[in-house]
Amino acid sequence: MKNNMKVLALGLFLAAALPACDKKTNSDTATVEQPAAAETVNVSAFNADSAYQFVARQVSFGPRVPNTPAHRACGDYLIGKLEGYGGTLQVQSFTAKAYDGTTLDLRNIMAQFNPQASKRILLAAHWDTRHVADKDPQNPTTPIDGANDGASGVAVLLEIARQLQANPLKGDVGVDIMLFDGEDYGQPDNAGDYIPDTWCLGSQYWAKNLLPKGYTANYGILLDMVGAKGARFAREETSRVYAGDVVEKVWKTAHQLGYSDYFPFQDSPGITDDHTYVIQHANIRMADIVAYDPSSPDGFFGPYHHRHTDNMDIIDRNTLKAVGQTVLHVVMTEQ
């Protein structure tokens, strides 16, 4: 995820001509009442221990930097896990030119659940990691583990996929889990004149070259940096403007489930993230669940951001649970 330049004023985003468009324990089942006038719905429990292990497994490959053996091996692992959980796989291989002239070999990975359903929900995260620790005074030119910035969102989606296999979706609702590549190979602030659109290379490519062809979704939810201890998720501005109903659904669900500490009714500035390009080019309303820390040096991202401290030491099962149970509940109670 981009650093300071990624924080985006709403006016600039509008200028891009986008289309209008209490804590719970880890029990085996979570029975939660829907809002007024809805029936009680049994939703499977999101297993935070499982999600934590999915984070650790990704980190064990090493930094998942494009064009490296670790990147290739982790991508193969993710494809195998999603296929093993019964997803219908769509793998989009492509190349993209990075800000420094490097040609990157990338793969977007999608797994479709209940693929015949006409109502689609797109759940996304990025699976690559930052190639430099450009905010870290120690070894700033070497890559990071990316336990939170990358692996945490993917881990939550892998656990959701596991739950969807055990508890198949019913009716005319399907879920598409998308793992975007090349999100974090963007231009550092100190790398010369600003070059636009160097971040989120995978979502840019997919949104302009949809796979499956003609793909659309009723709405989407993006997960980015969703595993750090003490994380708070504010209502990001771009999401509020272009997917306000999705933001409302997610945050109200989190409060209903007892996760108000993690999902305060607090607003944050807009940022350029994968949802930006999904909204702009694929015309899909998408909300970004992304950690917000206004006390940090850059005013948005946590103290681990693009530093070597983004490792397993900061990953917290309670945060993974809060995000995962919320998103799983949204998906499994969709009508």
Protein backbone atom coordinates (compact mmCIF):
# COMPACT_ATOMS: atom_id res chain seq x y z
CA MET A 1 0.00 0.00 0.00
CA LYS A 2 1.22 3.46 -0.87
CA ASN A 3 2.72 5.76 1.70
CA ASN A 4 2.13 9.50 2.10
CA MET A 5 1.15 10.17 -1.51
CA LYS A 6 -1.48 7.48 -1.23
CA VAL A 7 -3.59 9.68 1.04
CA LEU A 8 -5.92 11.29 -1.44
CA ALA A 9 -8.06 14.41 -1.20
CA LEU A 10 -11.64 13.79 -2.24
CA GLY A 11 -11.50 16.62 -4.76
CA LEU A 12 -8.62 14.96 -6.61
CA PHE A 13 -10.44 11.64 -6.58
CA LEU A 14 -13.55 13.23 -8.02
CA ALA A 15 -11.42 14.77 -10.74
CA ALA A 16 -10.56 11.26 -11.92
CA ALA A 17 -14.11 11.00 -13.32
CA LEU A 18 -15.11 7.90 -11.41
CA PRO A 19 -18.51 6.44 -12.19
CA ALA A 20 -21.33 7.60 -9.98
CA CYS A 21 -22.16 4.86 -8.81
CA ASP A 22 -17.65 -5.94 23.13
CA LYS A 23 -15.51 -8.91 21.60
CA LYS A 24 -16.70 -12.37 20.58
CA THR A 25 -14.94 -15.57 21.48
CA ASN A 26 -13.84 -18.24 19.01
CA SER A 27 -16.84 -20.54 19.39
CA ASP A 28 -17.83 -23.15 16.83
CA THR A 29 -20.97 -21.30 15.80
CA ALA A 30 -22.06 -17.71 16.10
CA THR A 31 -25.81 -17.20 16.25
CA VAL A 32 -26.62 -13.56 15.74
CA GLU A 33 -29.88 -11.72 15.34
CA GLN A 34 -30.31 -9.72 12.21
CA PRO A 35 -31.57 -6.12 12.38
CA ALA A 36 -35.23 -5.56 13.17
CA ALA A 37 -37.75 -7.63 11.24
CA ALA A 38 -35.18 -10.20 10.13
CA GLU A 39 -34.96 -13.79 11.26
CA THR A 40 -32.16 -15.10 13.43
CA VAL A 41 -29.39 -16.45 11.19
CA ASN A 42 -26.80 -19.06 12.06
CA VAL A 43 -23.41 -17.97 10.72
CA SER A 44 -20.36 -20.19 11.01
CA ALA A 45 -17.63 -18.94 13.31
CA PHE A 46 -14.55 -17.42 11.75
CA ASN A 47 -11.55 -19.32 13.14
CA ALA A 48 -8.89 -16.78 14.11
CA ASP A 49 -6.30 -19.48 14.83
CA SER A 50 -6.68 -20.77 11.29
CA ALA A 51 -6.36 -17.26 9.86
CA TYR A 52 -3.26 -16.62 11.96
CA GLN A 53 -1.65 -19.75 10.54
CA PHE A 54 -2.49 -18.59 7.03
CA VAL A 55 -0.60 -15.35 7.74
CA ALA A 56 2.38 -17.29 9.11
CA ARG A 57 2.43 -19.64 6.11
CA GLN A 58 2.64 -16.76 3.68
CA VAL A 59 5.39 -15.07 5.66
CA SER A 60 7.33 -18.34 5.73
CA PHE A 61 7.92 -18.05 1.98
CA GLY A 62 9.83 -14.82 2.57
CA PRO A 63 8.96 -11.46 1.03
CA ARG A 64 6.52 -12.06 -1.82
CA VAL A 65 8.13 -9.58 -4.19
CA PRO A 66 7.26 -10.01 -7.87
CA ASN A 67 9.87 -11.78 -10.00
CA THR A 68 11.25 -13.75 -7.02
CA PRO A 69 11.01 -17.49 -6.25
CA ALA A 70 9.16 -16.67 -3.00
CA HIS A 71 6.51 -14.79 -4.96
CA ARG A 72 6.03 -17.63 -7.42
CA ALA A 73 5.90 -20.28 -4.70
CA CYS A 74 3.40 -18.37 -2.58
CA GLY A 75 1.18 -17.76 -5.58
CA ASP A 76 1.16 -21.49 -6.32
CA TYR A 77 0.29 -22.17 -2.67
CA LEU A 78 -2.63 -19.73 -2.74
CA ILE A 79 -4.00 -21.24 -5.94
CA GLY A 80 -3.78 -24.70 -4.40
CA LYS A 81 -5.54 -23.66 -1.19
CA LEU A 82 -8.41 -21.90 -2.94
CA GLU A 83 -8.90 -24.78 -5.36
CA GLY A 84 -8.76 -27.21 -2.44
CA TYR A 85 -11.55 -25.29 -0.74
CA GLY A 86 -13.79 -25.81 -3.76
CA GLY A 87 -13.35 -22.50 -5.51
CA THR A 88 -13.67 -22.26 -9.28
CA LEU A 89 -10.31 -20.75 -10.21
CA GLN A 90 -9.63 -17.89 -12.58
CA VAL A 91 -5.91 -17.06 -12.81
CA GLN A 92 -4.93 -13.96 -14.77
CA SER A 93 -1.24 -13.92 -15.71
CA PHE A 94 0.12 -10.66 -17.12
CA THR A 95 3.12 -8.35 -17.14
CA ALA A 96 3.26 -4.76 -15.95
CA LYS A 97 5.94 -2.10 -16.12
CA ALA A 98 6.97 -0.76 -12.70
CA TYR A 99 7.90 2.85 -11.96
CA ASP A 100 11.62 1.95 -12.17
CA GLY A 101 11.30 0.28 -15.57
CA THR A 102 11.23 -3.28 -14.25
CA THR A 103 8.90 -5.65 -16.07
CA LEU A 104 6.95 -7.56 -13.45
CA ASP A 105 5.48 -11.03 -13.97
CA LEU A 106 2.19 -10.95 -12.06
CA ARG A 107 -0.85 -13.09 -11.36
CA ASN A 108 -4.30 -12.09 -10.19
CA ILE A 109 -6.02 -15.06 -8.55
CA MET A 110 -9.80 -15.38 -8.28
CA ALA A 111 -11.81 -18.21 -6.69
CA GLN A 112 -15.55 -18.26 -7.31
CA PHE A 113 -17.99 -19.85 -4.88
CA ASN A 114 -21.49 -20.71 -6.06
CA PRO A 115 -20.45 -19.48 -9.52
CA GLN A 116 -23.91 -19.96 -11.05
CA ALA A 117 -25.49 -17.37 -8.75
CA SER A 118 -26.38 -14.08 -10.38
CA LYS A 119 -25.81 -11.92 -7.29
CA ARG A 120 -22.03 -11.65 -6.79
CA ILE A 121 -20.02 -10.28 -3.86
CA LEU A 122 -16.38 -9.49 -4.58
CA LEU A 123 -13.95 -9.92 -1.65
CA ALA A 124 -10.40 -8.80 -2.35
CA ALA A 125 -6.92 -8.33 -0.89
CA HIS A 126 -3.42 -8.06 -2.34
CA TRP A 127 -0.94 -10.91 -1.97
CA ASP A 128 2.37 -9.31 -2.96
CA THR A 129 4.69 -7.48 -0.55
CA ARG A 130 6.67 -4.25 -0.66
CA HIS A 131 10.04 -4.58 -2.41
CA VAL A 132 11.70 -1.93 -0.22
CA ALA A 133 11.33 -0.82 3.41
CA ASP A 134 11.41 2.79 2.33
CA LYS A 135 10.08 4.16 5.64
CA ASP A 136 12.58 2.25 7.76
CA PRO A 137 15.90 3.89 8.75
CA GLN A 138 17.43 0.40 8.92
CA ASN A 139 17.96 -1.43 5.61
CA PRO A 140 15.48 0.72 3.66
CA THR A 141 16.34 -0.86 0.31
CA THR A 142 15.50 -4.44 1.31
CA PRO A 143 12.03 -6.04 1.17
CA ILE A 144 9.67 -6.53 4.12
CA ASP A 145 7.86 -9.56 5.51
CA GLY A 146 4.48 -7.96 4.86
CA ALA A 147 2.70 -9.92 7.58
CA ASN A 148 0.04 -7.25 7.87
CA ASP A 149 0.40 -5.37 4.59
CA GLY A 150 -0.64 -8.16 2.32
CA ALA A 151 -0.71 -11.44 4.22
CA SER A 152 -3.39 -10.52 6.77
CA GLY A 153 -6.06 -9.70 4.20
CA VAL A 154 -5.25 -12.82 2.19
CA ALA A 155 -5.39 -14.93 5.37
CA VAL A 156 -8.86 -13.66 6.25
CA LEU A 157 -10.07 -14.51 2.75
CA LEU A 158 -8.53 -17.99 2.87
CA GLU A 159 -10.39 -18.69 6.12
CA ILE A 160 -13.60 -17.36 4.58
CA ALA A 161 -13.04 -19.71 1.65
CA ARG A 162 -12.59 -22.61 4.08
CA GLN A 163 -15.85 -21.68 5.79
CA LEU A 164 -17.69 -21.41 2.48
CA GLN A 165 -16.63 -24.94 1.60
CA ALA A 166 -17.91 -26.25 4.94
CA ASN A 167 -21.06 -24.11 4.82
CA PRO A 168 -21.97 -23.62 1.16
CA LEU A 169 -23.82 -20.49 0.12
CA LYS A 170 -27.51 -20.94 -0.55
CA GLY A 171 -29.82 -19.30 -3.00
CA ASP A 172 -28.76 -16.87 -5.69
CA VAL A 173 -25.74 -15.39 -3.90
CA GLY A 174 -22.15 -16.12 -4.88
CA VAL A 175 -18.79 -14.93 -3.57
CA ASP A 176 -15.69 -14.20 -5.60
CA ILE A 177 -12.41 -14.07 -3.69
CA MET A 178 -9.86 -12.00 -5.57
CA LEU A 179 -6.17 -11.81 -4.68
CA PHE A 180 -4.59 -8.88 -6.53
CA ASP A 181 -0.91 -8.89 -7.40
CA GLY A 182 1.49 -5.98 -7.79
CA GLU A 183 -0.29 -3.66 -5.37
CA ASP A 184 2.78 -2.64 -3.39
CA TYR A 185 5.43 -2.09 -6.08
CA GLY A 186 4.70 1.64 -6.23
CA GLN A 187 7.01 4.60 -6.49
CA PRO A 188 8.64 5.69 -3.20
CA ASP A 189 8.20 9.32 -2.27
CA ASN A 190 11.92 9.97 -2.69
CA ALA A 191 12.24 8.29 -6.10
CA GLY A 192 12.14 11.42 -8.23
CA ASP A 193 9.28 13.10 -10.06
CA TYR A 194 5.88 11.67 -9.28
CA ILE A 195 4.59 9.10 -11.74
CA PRO A 196 0.84 8.47 -11.61
CA ASP A 197 -0.74 5.05 -11.16
CA THR A 198 2.37 3.12 -10.12
CA TRP A 199 0.50 1.37 -7.30
CA CYS A 200 -2.20 -1.30 -7.48
CA LEU A 201 -0.95 -2.73 -10.77
CA GLY A 202 -3.01 -5.91 -10.46
CA SER A 203 -6.33 -4.21 -9.81
CA GLN A 204 -5.63 -1.71 -12.58
CA TYR A 205 -5.04 -4.51 -15.06
CA TRP A 206 -7.99 -6.62 -13.96
CA ALA A 207 -10.45 -3.73 -13.91
CA LYS A 208 -9.53 -2.94 -17.53
CA ASN A 209 -9.32 -6.61 -18.61
CA LEU A 210 -12.06 -8.30 -16.64
CA LEU A 211 -11.79 -12.00 -15.95
CA PRO A 212 -14.20 -13.67 -16.27
CA LYS A 213 -15.00 -11.54 -19.30
CA GLY A 214 -17.83 -9.14 -18.60
CA TYR A 215 -17.61 -9.76 -14.86
CA THR A 216 -19.65 -7.62 -12.53
CA ALA A 217 -20.62 -7.74 -8.86
CA ASN A 218 -23.35 -6.20 -6.77
CA TYR A 219 -20.65 -4.81 -4.49
CA GLY A 220 -17.17 -5.48 -3.19
CA ILE A 221 -15.17 -5.38 0.03
CA LEU A 222 -11.40 -4.84 0.04
CA LEU A 223 -9.22 -5.92 2.99
CA ASP A 224 -5.88 -4.19 3.52
CA MET A 225 -3.76 -4.34 6.70
CA VAL A 226 -6.42 -6.08 8.79
CA GLY A 227 -4.34 -8.06 11.29
CA ALA A 228 -2.36 -5.73 13.54
CA LYS A 229 -2.86 -5.60 17.28
CA GLY A 230 -5.09 -2.67 18.29
CA ALA A 231 -6.07 -1.84 14.71
CA ARG A 232 -8.97 0.50 14.08
CA PHE A 233 -10.89 0.66 10.83
CA ALA A 234 -12.40 4.01 9.93
CA ARG A 235 -14.84 4.69 7.10
CA GLU A 236 -12.49 5.65 4.28
CA GLU A 237 -13.67 8.57 2.19
CA THR A 238 -13.60 7.07 -1.29
CA SER A 239 -15.59 4.11 0.04
CA ARG A 240 -18.15 6.42 1.66
CA VAL A 241 -18.66 8.42 -1.51
CA TYR A 242 -18.90 5.56 -4.01
CA ALA A 243 -20.05 2.64 -1.84
CA GLY A 244 -21.77 4.29 1.08
CA ASP A 245 -24.37 1.56 1.47
CA VAL A 246 -21.64 -1.10 1.62
CA VAL A 247 -19.77 0.87 4.28
CA GLU A 248 -22.98 1.18 6.29
CA LYS A 249 -23.67 -2.56 5.97
CA VAL A 250 -20.18 -3.54 7.12
CA TRP A 251 -19.89 -1.11 10.03
CA LYS A 252 -23.41 -1.80 11.32
CA THR A 253 -22.72 -5.54 11.15
CA ALA A 254 -19.48 -5.10 13.10
CA HIS A 255 -21.31 -3.17 15.83
CA GLN A 256 -24.09 -5.75 15.92
CA LEU A 257 -21.50 -8.50 16.43
CA GLY A 258 -19.74 -6.61 19.23
CA TYR A 259 -16.73 -5.31 17.32
CA SER A 260 -17.41 -1.58 17.70
CA ASP A 261 -13.92 -1.05 19.17
CA TYR A 262 -12.42 -2.17 15.86
CA PHE A 263 -14.99 -0.46 13.62
CA PRO A 264 -15.72 2.93 15.22
CA PHE A 265 -18.12 5.27 13.46
CA GLN A 266 -15.16 7.42 12.49
CA ASP A 267 -14.32 8.85 9.07
CA SER A 268 -10.87 8.90 7.47
CA PRO A 269 -9.42 10.58 4.35
CA GLY A 270 -9.56 8.85 0.99
CA ILE A 271 -6.64 6.79 -0.23
CA THR A 272 -5.60 5.20 -3.48
CA ASP A 273 -5.97 1.47 -2.99
CA ASP A 274 -7.18 -1.45 -5.12
CA HIS A 275 -10.80 -0.37 -4.64
CA THR A 276 -10.00 2.91 -6.43
CA TYR A 277 -9.47 1.17 -9.75
CA VAL A 278 -12.26 -1.35 -9.27
CA ILE A 279 -14.66 1.55 -8.79
CA GLN A 280 -13.19 3.65 -11.56
CA HIS A 281 -12.77 1.09 -14.33
CA ALA A 282 -14.98 -1.89 -13.41
CA ASN A 283 -17.83 0.26 -12.08
CA ILE A 284 -18.21 -1.93 -8.98
CA ARG A 285 -19.07 -0.28 -5.66
CA MET A 286 -16.33 -1.33 -3.26
CA ALA A 287 -15.59 -0.48 0.38
CA ASP A 288 -12.06 -0.57 1.76
CA ILE A 289 -11.51 -2.02 5.25
CA VAL A 290 -8.07 -0.57 5.97
CA ALA A 291 -6.34 0.20 9.27
CA TYR A 292 -6.31 3.91 10.14
CA ASP A 293 -3.96 5.52 12.66
CA PRO A 294 -4.20 9.34 12.62
CA SER A 295 -1.49 9.56 15.30
CA SER A 296 1.13 7.98 13.03
CA PRO A 297 3.84 10.12 11.38
CA ASP A 298 2.07 10.18 8.01
CA GLY A 299 -1.37 10.65 9.58
CA PHE A 300 -2.91 7.46 8.26
CA PHE A 301 -0.89 4.24 8.29
CA GLY A 302 0.48 2.49 11.38
CA PRO A 303 4.08 2.62 12.63
CA TYR A 304 4.89 -0.70 10.93
CA HIS A 305 3.91 0.55 7.47
CA HIS A 306 6.61 -0.18 4.89
CA ARG A 307 9.04 -1.04 7.68
CA HIS A 308 10.69 -4.26 8.76
CA THR A 309 8.49 -4.26 11.86
CA ASP A 310 5.64 -5.47 9.62
CA ASN A 311 6.24 -9.05 10.77
CA MET A 312 4.45 -11.75 12.74
CA ASP A 313 5.07 -9.92 16.02
CA ILE A 314 2.31 -7.41 15.24
CA ILE A 315 -0.32 -9.91 14.08
CA ASP A 316 -3.21 -10.37 16.52
CA ARG A 317 -5.85 -13.08 16.39
CA ASN A 318 -8.49 -10.76 17.90
CA THR A 319 -8.14 -8.31 15.02
CA LEU A 320 -8.31 -11.08 12.44
CA LYS A 321 -11.43 -12.38 14.19
CA ALA A 322 -13.17 -9.00 14.25
CA VAL A 323 -12.64 -8.44 10.54
CA GLY A 324 -13.20 -12.01 9.44
CA GLN A 325 -16.38 -12.60 11.43
CA THR A 326 -17.81 -9.30 10.24
CA VAL A 327 -17.17 -9.99 6.56
CA LEU A 328 -18.29 -13.62 6.85
CA HIS A 329 -21.54 -12.48 8.46
CA VAL A 330 -22.16 -9.92 5.72
CA VAL A 331 -21.65 -12.58 3.06
CA MET A 332 -23.61 -15.41 4.66
CA THR A 333 -26.64 -13.28 5.50
CA GLU A 334 -26.87 -11.68 2.07
CA GLN A 335 -30.25 -12.21 0.46
